[in-house]
Amino acid sequence: MDITETIELRAITVNDLDAITEIDYGFIGRRRRGFWEGRLESTRTSSIPSLVAVIGGNVIGFILGGVSGWEYGIPENIGWIDTLGVSKDFQKKGIGRLLVEKMLALFKEVGMDTVYIFVNWKDRDLMQFFNRMGFESGDMINLKRKI
């Protein structure tokens, strides 16, 4: 059986904080509960919900996103995928794809016609994942300056 058939996608809640913190910990090696607490709080004002993927009552993935409010000169018809995380034990099983597809559908429902995401150029796996999802290089360039 395809594991994605047993996945429940639902709106993220503050009760998901511990699970999201643990998924993040699996990647960066430190727990950032306060960081994620703030991030989850900020999702409450979005016109679309951020989502979690749940299997057997356990959160195994999440996606945070929102819509543009004409910030940075970007028009209001733009959606943003902010963060995508899938537990290492469940990667390459279609969970990320399910989360992205559902988020894209939610964006479309509220009138968004373009979606942006920032990805590190050095993260080839993530670049390839989003490329397979139909994303391509956009018009903006990330600039930085160390001080």
N, C-alpha and C. Protein backbone atom coordinates (compact mmCIF):
# COMPACT_ATOMS: atom_id res chain seq x y z
N MET A 1 0.84 -1.19 0.00
CA MET A 1 0.00 0.00 0.00
C MET A 1 0.88 1.25 0.00
N ASP A 2 0.47 2.26 -0.74
CA ASP A 2 1.14 3.56 -0.80
C ASP A 2 0.94 4.29 0.52
N ILE A 3 2.05 4.68 1.16
CA ILE A 3 1.98 5.35 2.47
C ILE A 3 1.16 6.64 2.40
N THR A 4 1.18 7.32 1.25
CA THR A 4 0.46 8.59 1.14
C THR A 4 -1.05 8.40 1.27
N GLU A 5 -1.53 7.18 1.07
CA GLU A 5 -2.96 6.92 1.22
C GLU A 5 -3.39 6.92 2.68
N THR A 6 -2.44 6.80 3.60
CA THR A 6 -2.76 6.77 5.03
C THR A 6 -2.47 8.10 5.71
N ILE A 7 -2.07 9.10 4.95
CA ILE A 7 -1.70 10.41 5.50
C ILE A 7 -2.93 11.29 5.64
N GLU A 8 -3.04 11.94 6.78
CA GLU A 8 -4.06 12.97 6.98
C GLU A 8 -3.36 14.32 6.90
N LEU A 9 -3.87 15.22 6.10
CA LEU A 9 -3.38 16.60 6.05
C LEU A 9 -4.39 17.47 6.77
N ARG A 10 -3.91 18.28 7.69
CA ARG A 10 -4.82 19.18 8.42
C ARG A 10 -4.10 20.47 8.74
N ALA A 11 -4.88 21.47 9.15
CA ALA A 11 -4.32 22.77 9.53
C ALA A 11 -3.43 22.60 10.76
N ILE A 12 -2.35 23.32 10.75
CA ILE A 12 -1.39 23.30 11.85
C ILE A 12 -2.00 23.99 13.07
N THR A 13 -1.67 23.52 14.26
CA THR A 13 -2.12 24.17 15.49
C THR A 13 -0.93 24.29 16.44
N VAL A 14 -1.11 25.05 17.50
CA VAL A 14 -0.04 25.19 18.50
C VAL A 14 0.26 23.84 19.17
N ASN A 15 -0.68 22.93 19.14
CA ASN A 15 -0.44 21.59 19.70
C ASN A 15 0.58 20.80 18.90
N ASP A 16 0.92 21.26 17.70
CA ASP A 16 1.90 20.59 16.85
C ASP A 16 3.32 21.08 17.11
N LEU A 17 3.48 22.02 18.03
CA LEU A 17 4.78 22.64 18.28
C LEU A 17 5.87 21.63 18.60
N ASP A 18 5.61 20.71 19.50
CA ASP A 18 6.64 19.74 19.88
C ASP A 18 7.07 18.88 18.69
N ALA A 19 6.13 18.42 17.92
CA ALA A 19 6.46 17.57 16.77
C ALA A 19 7.27 18.34 15.73
N ILE A 20 6.90 19.57 15.46
CA ILE A 20 7.63 20.38 14.49
C ILE A 20 9.04 20.67 15.00
N THR A 21 9.15 20.96 16.29
CA THR A 21 10.47 21.19 16.89
C THR A 21 11.35 19.95 16.73
N GLU A 22 10.78 18.77 16.90
CA GLU A 22 11.56 17.53 16.78
C GLU A 22 11.96 17.26 15.33
N ILE A 23 11.08 17.52 14.38
CA ILE A 23 11.43 17.35 12.97
C ILE A 23 12.60 18.26 12.63
N ASP A 24 12.52 19.52 13.05
CA ASP A 24 13.59 20.49 12.82
C ASP A 24 14.88 20.03 13.49
N TYR A 25 14.78 19.53 14.72
CA TYR A 25 15.94 19.03 15.46
C TYR A 25 16.67 17.93 14.67
N GLY A 26 15.91 17.10 14.00
CA GLY A 26 16.50 16.04 13.19
C GLY A 26 17.39 16.54 12.08
N PHE A 27 17.22 17.80 11.68
CA PHE A 27 18.03 18.37 10.60
C PHE A 27 19.15 19.26 11.09
N ILE A 28 18.88 20.05 12.13
CA ILE A 28 19.90 21.02 12.54
C ILE A 28 20.60 20.66 13.84
N GLY A 29 20.11 19.66 14.55
CA GLY A 29 20.80 19.18 15.73
C GLY A 29 20.64 20.00 16.99
N ARG A 30 19.70 20.91 17.00
CA ARG A 30 19.38 21.65 18.23
C ARG A 30 17.89 21.96 18.23
N ARG A 31 17.36 22.07 19.41
CA ARG A 31 15.91 22.30 19.55
C ARG A 31 15.65 23.81 19.60
N ARG A 32 14.77 24.25 18.73
CA ARG A 32 14.45 25.68 18.63
C ARG A 32 12.97 25.91 18.92
N ARG A 33 12.53 25.46 20.06
CA ARG A 33 11.12 25.55 20.42
C ARG A 33 10.61 27.00 20.38
N GLY A 34 11.36 27.93 20.93
CA GLY A 34 10.95 29.33 20.92
C GLY A 34 10.80 29.87 19.51
N PHE A 35 11.72 29.52 18.65
CA PHE A 35 11.66 29.94 17.25
C PHE A 35 10.36 29.43 16.60
N TRP A 36 10.09 28.13 16.77
CA TRP A 36 8.91 27.55 16.14
C TRP A 36 7.62 28.05 16.78
N GLU A 37 7.67 28.35 18.06
CA GLU A 37 6.50 28.91 18.73
C GLU A 37 6.12 30.23 18.06
N GLY A 38 7.11 31.08 17.79
CA GLY A 38 6.86 32.34 17.10
C GLY A 38 6.37 32.14 15.68
N ARG A 39 6.95 31.17 15.00
CA ARG A 39 6.56 30.91 13.61
C ARG A 39 5.11 30.42 13.53
N LEU A 40 4.73 29.53 14.45
CA LEU A 40 3.36 29.03 14.44
C LEU A 40 2.38 30.15 14.78
N GLU A 41 2.77 31.01 15.68
CA GLU A 41 1.91 32.16 16.04
C GLU A 41 1.68 33.04 14.81
N SER A 42 2.72 33.25 14.01
CA SER A 42 2.59 34.12 12.84
C SER A 42 1.69 33.51 11.76
N THR A 43 1.50 32.19 11.77
CA THR A 43 0.64 31.58 10.76
C THR A 43 -0.84 31.84 11.02
N ARG A 44 -1.17 32.27 12.22
CA ARG A 44 -2.58 32.49 12.57
C ARG A 44 -3.24 33.61 11.77
N THR A 45 -2.48 34.54 11.23
CA THR A 45 -3.05 35.68 10.52
C THR A 45 -3.16 35.44 9.02
N SER A 46 -2.68 34.32 8.54
CA SER A 46 -2.71 34.04 7.11
C SER A 46 -4.12 33.68 6.66
N SER A 47 -4.44 34.01 5.42
CA SER A 47 -5.75 33.67 4.87
C SER A 47 -5.83 32.21 4.46
N ILE A 48 -4.71 31.51 4.47
CA ILE A 48 -4.72 30.07 4.23
C ILE A 48 -3.98 29.39 5.38
N PRO A 49 -4.39 28.19 5.73
CA PRO A 49 -3.71 27.53 6.85
C PRO A 49 -2.40 26.90 6.44
N SER A 50 -1.43 26.94 7.34
CA SER A 50 -0.27 26.08 7.19
C SER A 50 -0.71 24.69 7.59
N LEU A 51 0.01 23.68 7.17
CA LEU A 51 -0.48 22.31 7.28
C LEU A 51 0.51 21.37 7.96
N VAL A 52 -0.02 20.29 8.52
CA VAL A 52 0.80 19.18 8.97
C VAL A 52 0.32 17.91 8.28
N ALA A 53 1.26 16.97 8.12
CA ALA A 53 0.95 15.62 7.64
C ALA A 53 1.01 14.71 8.86
N VAL A 54 -0.05 13.93 9.03
CA VAL A 54 -0.18 13.08 10.22
C VAL A 54 -0.39 11.64 9.77
N ILE A 55 0.29 10.73 10.44
CA ILE A 55 0.08 9.30 10.22
C ILE A 55 0.04 8.63 11.58
N GLY A 56 -0.98 7.85 11.80
CA GLY A 56 -1.13 7.16 13.08
C GLY A 56 -1.13 8.10 14.27
N GLY A 57 -1.67 9.31 14.09
CA GLY A 57 -1.73 10.28 15.17
C GLY A 57 -0.45 11.08 15.38
N ASN A 58 0.61 10.78 14.61
CA ASN A 58 1.89 11.47 14.75
C ASN A 58 2.15 12.42 13.59
N VAL A 59 2.59 13.62 13.92
CA VAL A 59 2.96 14.59 12.88
C VAL A 59 4.30 14.16 12.30
N ILE A 60 4.32 13.97 10.97
CA ILE A 60 5.55 13.54 10.30
C ILE A 60 6.06 14.57 9.30
N GLY A 61 5.29 15.63 9.09
CA GLY A 61 5.72 16.67 8.17
C GLY A 61 4.88 17.91 8.34
N PHE A 62 5.40 19.03 7.82
CA PHE A 62 4.67 20.29 7.93
C PHE A 62 5.07 21.21 6.79
N ILE A 63 4.20 22.16 6.51
CA ILE A 63 4.48 23.20 5.53
C ILE A 63 3.88 24.50 6.04
N LEU A 64 4.67 25.55 6.00
CA LEU A 64 4.21 26.88 6.41
C LEU A 64 4.21 27.77 5.18
N GLY A 65 3.17 28.57 5.06
CA GLY A 65 3.08 29.47 3.93
C GLY A 65 2.10 30.59 4.21
N GLY A 66 2.01 31.49 3.28
CA GLY A 66 1.10 32.62 3.42
C GLY A 66 0.96 33.34 2.10
N VAL A 67 0.17 34.40 2.12
CA VAL A 67 -0.05 35.18 0.91
C VAL A 67 0.61 36.54 1.06
N SER A 68 0.99 37.11 -0.06
CA SER A 68 1.66 38.41 -0.08
C SER A 68 0.65 39.51 0.17
N GLY A 69 1.08 40.54 0.85
CA GLY A 69 0.24 41.70 1.06
C GLY A 69 0.87 42.93 0.43
N TRP A 70 1.40 42.78 -0.76
CA TRP A 70 2.10 43.83 -1.49
C TRP A 70 3.33 44.29 -0.71
N GLU A 71 4.11 43.32 -0.28
CA GLU A 71 5.35 43.63 0.42
C GLU A 71 6.53 43.45 -0.53
N TYR A 72 7.55 44.19 -0.32
CA TYR A 72 8.77 44.14 -1.15
C TYR A 72 8.46 44.37 -2.62
N GLY A 73 7.40 45.11 -2.91
CA GLY A 73 7.03 45.38 -4.29
C GLY A 73 6.41 44.18 -4.99
N ILE A 74 6.02 43.18 -4.23
CA ILE A 74 5.43 41.97 -4.80
C ILE A 74 3.91 42.09 -4.71
N PRO A 75 3.22 41.88 -5.82
CA PRO A 75 1.76 42.07 -5.82
C PRO A 75 1.01 41.09 -4.93
N GLU A 76 -0.25 41.37 -4.72
CA GLU A 76 -1.08 40.61 -3.80
C GLU A 76 -1.47 39.22 -4.30
N ASN A 77 -1.20 38.90 -5.54
CA ASN A 77 -1.59 37.60 -6.08
C ASN A 77 -0.50 36.53 -5.89
N ILE A 78 0.42 36.78 -4.96
CA ILE A 78 1.56 35.90 -4.74
C ILE A 78 1.40 35.14 -3.43
N GLY A 79 1.61 33.83 -3.51
CA GLY A 79 1.68 33.00 -2.31
C GLY A 79 3.13 32.64 -2.04
N TRP A 80 3.42 32.38 -0.78
CA TRP A 80 4.78 32.01 -0.37
C TRP A 80 4.76 30.69 0.36
N ILE A 81 5.63 29.78 -0.03
CA ILE A 81 5.91 28.62 0.79
C ILE A 81 7.13 29.01 1.60
N ASP A 82 6.95 29.04 2.89
CA ASP A 82 8.00 29.51 3.78
C ASP A 82 8.92 28.39 4.22
N THR A 83 8.35 27.30 4.70
CA THR A 83 9.13 26.20 5.24
C THR A 83 8.43 24.88 4.96
N LEU A 84 9.21 23.90 4.56
CA LEU A 84 8.71 22.55 4.36
C LEU A 84 9.62 21.61 5.15
N GLY A 85 9.03 20.78 5.98
CA GLY A 85 9.82 19.83 6.75
C GLY A 85 9.14 18.48 6.81
N VAL A 86 9.91 17.44 6.55
CA VAL A 86 9.40 16.07 6.65
C VAL A 86 10.40 15.28 7.48
N SER A 87 9.90 14.54 8.45
CA SER A 87 10.75 13.71 9.29
C SER A 87 11.65 12.84 8.42
N LYS A 88 12.91 12.71 8.82
CA LYS A 88 13.87 11.93 8.02
C LYS A 88 13.38 10.51 7.74
N ASP A 89 12.66 9.93 8.69
CA ASP A 89 12.16 8.57 8.51
C ASP A 89 11.10 8.47 7.41
N PHE A 90 10.53 9.59 7.02
CA PHE A 90 9.43 9.57 6.04
C PHE A 90 9.78 10.31 4.75
N GLN A 91 11.03 10.67 4.56
CA GLN A 91 11.40 11.36 3.34
C GLN A 91 11.41 10.40 2.15
N LYS A 92 11.24 10.98 0.98
CA LYS A 92 11.22 10.25 -0.29
C LYS A 92 10.08 9.24 -0.35
N LYS A 93 8.98 9.56 0.32
CA LYS A 93 7.80 8.70 0.30
C LYS A 93 6.56 9.46 -0.19
N GLY A 94 6.74 10.71 -0.67
CA GLY A 94 5.63 11.47 -1.22
C GLY A 94 4.95 12.42 -0.26
N ILE A 95 5.43 12.50 0.98
CA ILE A 95 4.78 13.37 1.97
C ILE A 95 4.99 14.84 1.61
N GLY A 96 6.21 15.20 1.25
CA GLY A 96 6.50 16.58 0.85
C GLY A 96 5.65 16.99 -0.34
N ARG A 97 5.53 16.10 -1.30
CA ARG A 97 4.71 16.38 -2.50
C ARG A 97 3.25 16.61 -2.10
N LEU A 98 2.72 15.77 -1.21
CA LEU A 98 1.34 15.95 -0.76
C LEU A 98 1.14 17.31 -0.11
N LEU A 99 2.08 17.69 0.77
CA LEU A 99 1.97 18.97 1.47
C LEU A 99 2.03 20.13 0.49
N VAL A 100 2.96 20.08 -0.46
CA VAL A 100 3.08 21.17 -1.44
C VAL A 100 1.84 21.23 -2.32
N GLU A 101 1.37 20.10 -2.80
CA GLU A 101 0.18 20.10 -3.67
C GLU A 101 -1.03 20.68 -2.95
N LYS A 102 -1.22 20.30 -1.69
CA LYS A 102 -2.36 20.84 -0.93
C LYS A 102 -2.21 22.34 -0.71
N MET A 103 -0.99 22.79 -0.39
CA MET A 103 -0.76 24.23 -0.19
C MET A 103 -1.03 24.99 -1.49
N LEU A 104 -0.59 24.45 -2.63
CA LEU A 104 -0.85 25.10 -3.91
C LEU A 104 -2.35 25.20 -4.18
N ALA A 105 -3.09 24.15 -3.85
CA ALA A 105 -4.55 24.18 -4.04
C ALA A 105 -5.19 25.25 -3.15
N LEU A 106 -4.70 25.38 -1.93
CA LEU A 106 -5.24 26.40 -1.03
C LEU A 106 -4.94 27.81 -1.55
N PHE A 107 -3.73 27.99 -2.07
CA PHE A 107 -3.38 29.29 -2.67
C PHE A 107 -4.34 29.61 -3.82
N LYS A 108 -4.56 28.64 -4.67
CA LYS A 108 -5.42 28.85 -5.83
C LYS A 108 -6.84 29.22 -5.41
N GLU A 109 -7.34 28.57 -4.35
CA GLU A 109 -8.69 28.85 -3.85
C GLU A 109 -8.87 30.30 -3.42
N VAL A 110 -7.81 30.95 -2.94
CA VAL A 110 -7.94 32.34 -2.49
C VAL A 110 -7.42 33.33 -3.53
N GLY A 111 -7.22 32.86 -4.77
CA GLY A 111 -6.91 33.77 -5.87
C GLY A 111 -5.44 34.00 -6.16
N MET A 112 -4.56 33.24 -5.54
CA MET A 112 -3.14 33.39 -5.85
C MET A 112 -2.87 32.68 -7.17
N ASP A 113 -2.00 33.27 -8.01
CA ASP A 113 -1.68 32.61 -9.27
C ASP A 113 -0.18 32.33 -9.44
N THR A 114 0.61 32.73 -8.46
CA THR A 114 2.05 32.48 -8.48
C THR A 114 2.50 32.18 -7.06
N VAL A 115 3.44 31.25 -6.92
CA VAL A 115 3.96 30.89 -5.60
C VAL A 115 5.47 30.98 -5.62
N TYR A 116 6.02 31.61 -4.59
CA TYR A 116 7.46 31.75 -4.44
C TYR A 116 7.95 30.91 -3.26
N ILE A 117 9.21 30.50 -3.36
CA ILE A 117 9.90 29.85 -2.25
C ILE A 117 11.39 30.16 -2.41
N PHE A 118 12.06 30.36 -1.30
CA PHE A 118 13.51 30.53 -1.31
C PHE A 118 14.16 29.19 -1.00
N VAL A 119 15.13 28.81 -1.81
CA VAL A 119 15.86 27.55 -1.63
C VAL A 119 17.34 27.85 -1.76
N ASN A 120 18.14 27.27 -0.88
CA ASN A 120 19.59 27.44 -0.96
C ASN A 120 20.11 26.74 -2.22
N TRP A 121 20.87 27.48 -3.04
CA TRP A 121 21.41 26.93 -4.28
C TRP A 121 22.23 25.65 -4.04
N LYS A 122 22.83 25.54 -2.87
CA LYS A 122 23.69 24.39 -2.57
C LYS A 122 22.90 23.16 -2.16
N ASP A 123 21.61 23.31 -1.89
CA ASP A 123 20.78 22.19 -1.49
C ASP A 123 20.17 21.55 -2.74
N ARG A 124 20.98 20.72 -3.40
CA ARG A 124 20.59 20.12 -4.67
C ARG A 124 19.32 19.26 -4.55
N ASP A 125 19.21 18.49 -3.45
CA ASP A 125 18.02 17.64 -3.29
C ASP A 125 16.75 18.47 -3.24
N LEU A 126 16.79 19.55 -2.47
CA LEU A 126 15.61 20.41 -2.36
C LEU A 126 15.33 21.14 -3.67
N MET A 127 16.40 21.57 -4.34
CA MET A 127 16.22 22.22 -5.65
C MET A 127 15.56 21.25 -6.63
N GLN A 128 16.02 20.02 -6.66
CA GLN A 128 15.45 19.03 -7.57
C GLN A 128 14.00 18.70 -7.20
N PHE A 129 13.73 18.62 -5.90
CA PHE A 129 12.36 18.36 -5.45
C PHE A 129 11.42 19.43 -5.98
N PHE A 130 11.75 20.70 -5.74
CA PHE A 130 10.86 21.77 -6.18
C PHE A 130 10.81 21.89 -7.69
N ASN A 131 11.91 21.56 -8.36
CA ASN A 131 11.89 21.56 -9.82
C ASN A 131 10.91 20.51 -10.33
N ARG A 132 10.90 19.33 -9.72
CA ARG A 132 9.95 18.27 -10.11
C ARG A 132 8.51 18.69 -9.80
N MET A 133 8.34 19.58 -8.83
CA MET A 133 7.01 20.08 -8.47
C MET A 133 6.56 21.21 -9.40
N GLY A 134 7.41 21.57 -10.38
CA GLY A 134 7.05 22.59 -11.36
C GLY A 134 7.58 23.98 -11.08
N PHE A 135 8.40 24.14 -10.04
CA PHE A 135 8.99 25.44 -9.74
C PHE A 135 10.20 25.67 -10.64
N GLU A 136 10.43 26.94 -10.97
CA GLU A 136 11.59 27.32 -11.78
C GLU A 136 12.16 28.62 -11.22
N SER A 137 13.32 29.00 -11.71
CA SER A 137 13.94 30.24 -11.24
C SER A 137 13.00 31.41 -11.48
N GLY A 138 12.90 32.27 -10.48
CA GLY A 138 12.03 33.43 -10.58
C GLY A 138 12.79 34.69 -10.92
N ASP A 139 12.11 35.83 -10.76
CA ASP A 139 12.68 37.12 -11.13
C ASP A 139 13.52 37.75 -10.04
N MET A 140 13.44 37.24 -8.82
CA MET A 140 14.16 37.88 -7.72
C MET A 140 15.47 37.16 -7.45
N ILE A 141 16.42 37.91 -6.95
CA ILE A 141 17.72 37.37 -6.56
C ILE A 141 17.94 37.72 -5.10
N ASN A 142 18.41 36.76 -4.35
CA ASN A 142 18.75 36.97 -2.95
C ASN A 142 20.14 37.57 -2.88
N LEU A 143 20.26 38.76 -2.30
CA LEU A 143 21.57 39.39 -2.11
C LEU A 143 21.92 39.37 -0.64
N LYS A 144 23.21 39.28 -0.34
CA LYS A 144 23.63 39.33 1.05
C LYS A 144 24.94 40.07 1.17
N ARG A 145 25.20 40.56 2.38
CA ARG A 145 26.47 41.23 2.67
C ARG A 145 26.82 40.92 4.12
N LYS A 146 27.96 40.35 4.35
CA LYS A 146 28.42 40.08 5.70
C LYS A 146 28.99 41.35 6.29
N ILE A 147 28.67 41.62 7.54
CA ILE A 147 29.21 42.81 8.20
C ILE A 147 29.83 42.44 9.54
